[in-house]
Protein backbone atom coordinates (compact mmCIF):
# COMPACT_ATOMS: atom_id res chain seq x y z
CA UNK A 1 74.63 91.22 123.82
CA UNK A 2 75.40 93.32 120.73
CA UNK A 3 73.89 96.44 122.32
CA UNK A 4 75.92 95.89 125.50
CA UNK A 5 79.11 95.42 123.51
CA UNK A 6 78.43 98.53 121.41
CA UNK A 7 77.77 100.63 124.52
CA UNK A 8 81.00 99.45 126.14
CA UNK A 9 83.01 100.06 122.99
CA UNK A 10 81.73 103.63 122.63
CA UNK A 11 82.35 104.45 126.30
CA UNK A 12 84.75 107.40 126.80
CA UNK A 13 84.93 108.20 123.10
CA UNK A 14 86.74 111.48 123.72
CA UNK A 15 89.62 109.86 125.60
CA UNK A 16 89.81 107.15 122.94
CA UNK A 17 90.23 109.75 120.20
CA UNK A 18 92.81 111.64 122.28
CA UNK A 19 94.93 108.51 122.83
CA UNK A 20 94.81 107.67 119.12
CA UNK A 21 95.86 111.21 118.17
CA UNK A 22 98.75 111.17 120.66
CA UNK A 23 99.95 107.79 119.39
CA UNK A 24 99.85 108.89 115.74
CA UNK A 25 101.65 112.15 116.52
CA UNK A 26 104.31 110.24 118.47
CA UNK A 27 104.88 107.89 115.55
CA UNK A 28 104.97 110.82 113.13
CA UNK A 29 107.55 112.61 115.28
CA UNK A 30 109.97 109.68 115.25
CA UNK A 31 109.43 108.87 111.58
CA UNK A 32 110.11 112.52 110.69
CA UNK A 33 113.27 112.49 112.82
CA UNK A 34 114.69 109.34 111.27
CA UNK A 35 116.26 110.84 108.10
CA UNK A 36 118.36 113.27 110.14
CA UNK A 37 119.27 110.53 112.62
CA UNK A 38 120.27 108.21 109.78
CA UNK A 39 122.69 110.81 108.42
CA UNK A 40 124.49 110.75 111.78
CA UNK A 41 124.35 106.96 112.15
CA UNK A 42 128.12 106.49 111.89
CA UNK A 43 128.75 108.96 114.71
CA UNK A 44 126.01 107.38 116.82
CA UNK A 45 127.44 103.91 116.19
CA UNK A 46 130.77 105.01 117.60
CA UNK A 47 129.05 106.36 120.71
CA UNK A 48 127.09 103.14 121.19
CA UNK A 49 130.28 101.07 121.10
CA UNK A 50 131.32 102.71 124.38
CA UNK A 51 128.24 101.37 126.22
CA UNK A 52 128.14 97.89 127.79
CA UNK A 53 126.26 95.36 125.62
CA UNK A 54 123.93 94.51 128.51
CA UNK A 55 122.89 98.15 128.81
CA UNK A 56 122.12 98.36 125.10
CA UNK A 57 120.06 95.18 125.30
CA UNK A 58 118.20 96.38 128.39
CA UNK A 59 116.90 99.42 126.54
CA UNK A 60 116.31 97.69 123.24
CA UNK A 61 119.18 99.37 121.39
CA UNK A 62 120.80 97.44 118.56
CA UNK A 63 124.60 97.57 118.62
CA UNK A 64 124.58 98.10 114.83
CA UNK A 65 122.86 101.46 115.30
CA UNK A 66 119.94 103.06 113.51
CA UNK A 67 120.58 101.82 109.98
CA UNK A 68 116.88 101.22 109.34
CA UNK A 69 113.69 102.93 110.46
CA UNK A 70 112.54 99.68 112.10
CA UNK A 71 115.54 99.63 114.44
CA UNK A 72 115.06 103.30 115.24
CA UNK A 73 111.37 102.88 116.04
CA UNK A 74 112.01 99.76 118.13
CA UNK A 75 114.28 101.81 120.41
CA UNK A 76 112.64 105.22 120.46
CA UNK A 77 108.94 104.40 120.13
CA UNK A 78 108.30 100.80 121.10
CA UNK A 79 110.62 100.49 124.09
CA UNK A 80 108.86 103.15 126.17
CA UNK A 81 106.39 105.60 124.57
CA UNK A 82 103.95 103.16 122.98
CA UNK A 83 103.81 100.69 125.92
CA UNK A 84 103.10 103.59 128.30
CA UNK A 85 100.25 104.81 126.08
CA UNK A 86 98.83 101.28 125.86
CA UNK A 87 99.01 100.82 129.64
CA UNK A 88 97.30 104.15 130.32
CA UNK A 89 94.69 103.42 127.67
CA UNK A 90 93.84 100.01 129.13
CA UNK A 91 93.85 101.15 132.76
CA UNK A 92 91.73 104.25 132.16
CA UNK A 93 89.03 102.45 130.20
CA UNK A 94 88.78 99.33 132.37
CA UNK A 95 89.01 101.40 135.53
CA UNK A 96 85.97 103.41 134.47
CA UNK A 97 84.15 100.29 133.23
CA UNK A 98 83.64 98.55 136.60
CA UNK A 99 85.45 100.19 139.53
CA UNK A 100 84.59 103.69 138.30
CA UNK A 101 80.97 102.69 137.71
CA UNK A 102 80.77 101.32 141.27
CA UNK A 103 82.25 104.53 142.64
CA UNK A 104 79.75 106.60 140.63
CA UNK A 105 76.84 104.39 141.65
CA UNK A 106 75.95 103.59 138.04
CA UNK A 107 76.88 99.91 137.90
CA UNK A 108 73.82 99.06 139.99
CA UNK A 109 71.65 100.13 137.07
CA UNK A 110 73.52 97.80 134.74
CA UNK A 111 73.25 94.72 136.97
CA UNK A 112 69.54 95.44 137.51
CA UNK A 113 68.92 94.71 133.82
CA UNK A 114 67.69 91.22 132.84
CA UNK A 115 71.23 90.22 131.90
CA UNK A 116 73.46 87.82 133.80
CA UNK A 117 76.62 89.18 135.39
CA UNK A 118 78.69 86.81 133.27
CA UNK A 119 77.21 88.21 130.06
CA UNK A 120 77.68 91.74 131.36
CA UNK A 121 81.35 91.10 132.18
CA UNK A 122 81.97 89.41 128.84
CA UNK A 123 80.39 92.35 127.00
CA UNK A 124 82.65 94.75 128.88
CA UNK A 125 85.70 92.62 128.11
CA UNK A 126 84.89 92.26 124.40
CA UNK A 127 84.07 95.96 124.13
CA UNK A 128 87.44 96.89 125.60
CA UNK A 129 89.13 94.30 123.38
CA UNK A 130 87.61 96.00 120.33
CA UNK A 131 88.73 99.43 121.56
CA UNK A 132 92.28 98.18 122.18
CA UNK A 133 92.39 96.44 118.78
CA UNK A 134 91.38 99.68 117.05
CA UNK A 135 93.92 101.66 119.09
CA UNK A 136 96.69 99.22 118.10
CA UNK A 137 95.64 99.35 114.45
CA UNK A 138 95.66 103.16 114.36
CA UNK A 139 98.87 103.63 116.35
CA UNK A 140 100.92 100.93 114.59
CA UNK A 141 99.61 100.74 111.05
CA UNK A 142 99.91 104.51 110.67
CA UNK A 143 103.69 103.94 110.47
CA UNK A 144 103.34 102.64 106.91
CA UNK A 145 101.74 105.77 105.35
CA UNK A 146 103.93 108.05 107.50
CA UNK A 147 107.08 106.39 106.15
CA UNK A 148 105.71 106.69 102.61
CA UNK A 149 105.01 110.37 103.25
CA UNK A 150 108.66 110.97 104.19
CA UNK A 151 110.10 108.70 101.50
CA UNK A 152 111.43 106.13 103.96
CA UNK A 153 111.68 102.45 103.04
CA UNK A 154 109.91 100.20 105.51
CA UNK A 155 109.18 96.46 105.61
CA UNK A 156 105.38 96.31 105.64
CA UNK A 157 105.40 92.67 106.78
CA UNK A 158 107.38 93.66 109.89
CA UNK A 159 104.92 96.42 110.74
CA UNK A 160 102.03 93.98 110.37
CA UNK A 161 103.81 91.54 112.67
CA UNK A 162 104.47 94.42 115.08
CA UNK A 163 100.74 95.14 115.10
CA UNK A 164 100.10 91.48 115.98
CA UNK A 165 102.41 91.44 119.01
CA UNK A 166 101.15 94.87 120.12
CA UNK A 167 97.61 93.53 119.90
CA UNK A 168 98.53 90.55 122.09
CA UNK A 169 100.23 92.89 124.56
CA UNK A 170 97.23 95.24 124.57
CA UNK A 171 94.62 92.51 125.03
CA UNK A 172 96.67 91.11 127.90
CA UNK A 173 96.70 94.55 129.55
CA UNK A 174 92.93 94.88 129.12
CA UNK A 175 92.09 91.46 130.58
CA UNK A 176 94.46 92.01 133.52
CA UNK A 177 93.22 95.55 134.20
CA UNK A 178 89.55 94.52 133.97
CA UNK A 179 90.19 91.76 136.50
CA UNK A 180 91.70 94.35 138.86
CA UNK A 181 88.74 96.66 138.19
CA UNK A 182 86.36 93.84 139.14
CA UNK A 183 88.05 93.44 142.53
CA UNK A 184 88.05 97.06 143.69
CA UNK A 185 85.62 99.95 144.06
CA UNK A 186 87.66 102.93 142.87
CA UNK A 187 89.25 103.44 139.48
CA UNK A 188 92.26 105.05 141.15
CA UNK A 189 93.03 101.67 142.68
CA UNK A 190 93.10 100.18 139.19
CA UNK A 191 95.72 102.72 138.05
CA UNK A 192 97.82 102.09 141.13
CA UNK A 193 97.62 98.29 141.02
CA UNK A 194 98.15 97.90 137.28
CA UNK A 195 100.82 100.59 137.14
CA UNK A 196 102.68 99.16 140.12
CA UNK A 197 102.55 95.62 138.78
CA UNK A 198 103.82 96.63 135.33
CA UNK A 199 106.53 98.86 136.77
CA UNK A 200 107.79 95.94 138.86
CA UNK A 201 107.63 93.77 135.73
CA UNK A 202 109.66 96.32 133.76
CA UNK A 203 112.32 96.58 136.48
CA UNK A 204 112.51 92.78 136.74
CA UNK A 205 113.16 92.55 133.01
CA UNK A 206 115.93 95.19 133.18
CA UNK A 207 117.58 93.45 136.14
CA UNK A 208 117.37 90.07 134.38
CA UNK A 209 119.17 91.48 131.34
CA UNK A 210 121.88 93.31 133.28
CA UNK A 211 122.62 90.61 135.87
CA UNK A 212 123.10 86.97 134.88
CA UNK A 213 122.39 85.95 138.48
CA UNK A 214 118.80 87.16 138.10
CA UNK A 215 118.22 86.13 134.50
CA UNK A 216 115.33 83.91 135.65
CA UNK A 217 113.30 87.03 136.46
CA UNK A 218 112.66 87.70 132.79
CA UNK A 219 110.27 84.77 132.59
CA UNK A 220 107.90 86.62 134.94
CA UNK A 221 108.01 89.92 133.05
CA UNK A 222 105.45 90.83 130.40
CA UNK A 223 108.06 93.06 128.76
CA UNK A 224 110.32 90.09 128.09
CA UNK A 225 107.58 88.58 125.92
CA UNK A 226 106.73 91.90 124.28
CA UNK A 227 109.61 91.42 121.85
CA UNK A 228 108.93 94.32 119.51
CA UNK A 229 112.64 94.67 118.73
CA UNK A 230 112.87 91.08 117.50
CA UNK A 231 109.80 91.53 115.31
CA UNK A 232 111.08 94.77 113.78
CA UNK A 233 114.44 93.19 112.98
CA UNK A 234 112.95 90.35 110.96
CA UNK A 235 112.14 87.66 113.50
CA UNK A 236 108.71 86.15 114.05
CA UNK A 237 106.65 86.14 117.23
CA UNK A 238 108.01 83.41 119.50
CA UNK A 239 105.85 80.56 120.73
CA UNK A 240 106.72 81.48 124.33
CA UNK A 241 105.35 85.01 123.82
CA UNK A 242 102.16 83.67 122.27
CA UNK A 243 101.64 81.15 125.08
CA UNK A 244 102.39 83.72 127.80
CA UNK A 245 99.97 86.34 126.48
CA UNK A 246 97.15 83.85 125.86
CA UNK A 247 97.67 82.27 129.29
CA UNK A 248 97.45 85.62 131.10
CA UNK A 249 94.36 86.57 129.09
CA UNK A 250 92.57 83.32 129.93
CA UNK A 251 93.55 83.30 133.63
CA UNK A 252 92.66 86.99 134.11
CA UNK A 253 89.32 86.50 132.37
CA UNK A 254 88.38 83.45 134.42
CA UNK A 255 89.24 85.07 137.76
CA UNK A 256 87.64 88.34 136.69
CA UNK A 257 84.40 86.55 135.82
CA UNK A 258 84.44 84.69 139.11
CA UNK A 259 85.06 87.83 141.14
CA UNK A 260 82.49 89.97 139.32
CA UNK A 261 79.83 87.27 139.57
CA UNK A 262 80.23 86.70 143.31
CA UNK A 263 81.05 90.10 144.76
CA UNK A 264 78.56 92.41 146.48
CA UNK A 265 78.01 95.57 144.46
CA UNK A 266 76.50 98.63 146.17
CA UNK A 267 73.59 100.24 144.34
């Protein structure tokens, strides 16, 4: 089991390193920009007052402006850039893990080993969990030394809590994407299915915030529970977010195991 997990974790090492570098550079860019943005905070605050409150909330912008680096990062980094990187990271790795291996005719070699399909799937899932956990640690915890480098005060406890909710978000993406990968035979289908589902989820969350008539849609959106703004402004992770992420992880894992165990795999 350990050897299977290690092999899955080290799969696509080059792309893993590239994603980590991009995430760190993105964080560094916004941290480096913050001092100049903070100097213009009063002017930016006046501009923000002209926008509808619902619009500001939809895009994770605090009406009080960018008075702290946490508020700035919640809007500029965590509302779009980091989630996109996490989605691409999860889809690319899980897509290659099962669907891509079927397409390349290499998965047949794996299932021919004296290892049950359940153990093989679990090793793939845990390997991708480890990769996502390391990606989240690198991309989020790097904010602390970057802020210290630029002399910016940052609440370390909030960054640690941000890492926790990002980890939950990332593990949910992995379990969902691996389930999709276990149901198809081409990794391109994984990108399309996961990307389409998450795009619809993002739009549903925006619509729910803007229109009170469709506020119920937010309960079906993963982005509603990925409350990075709340965490970075001093709040804790809500129970509803914790329950939602854990529920999706468990359901996706169970159905993924069932599908992978019972499907016909060409060799």
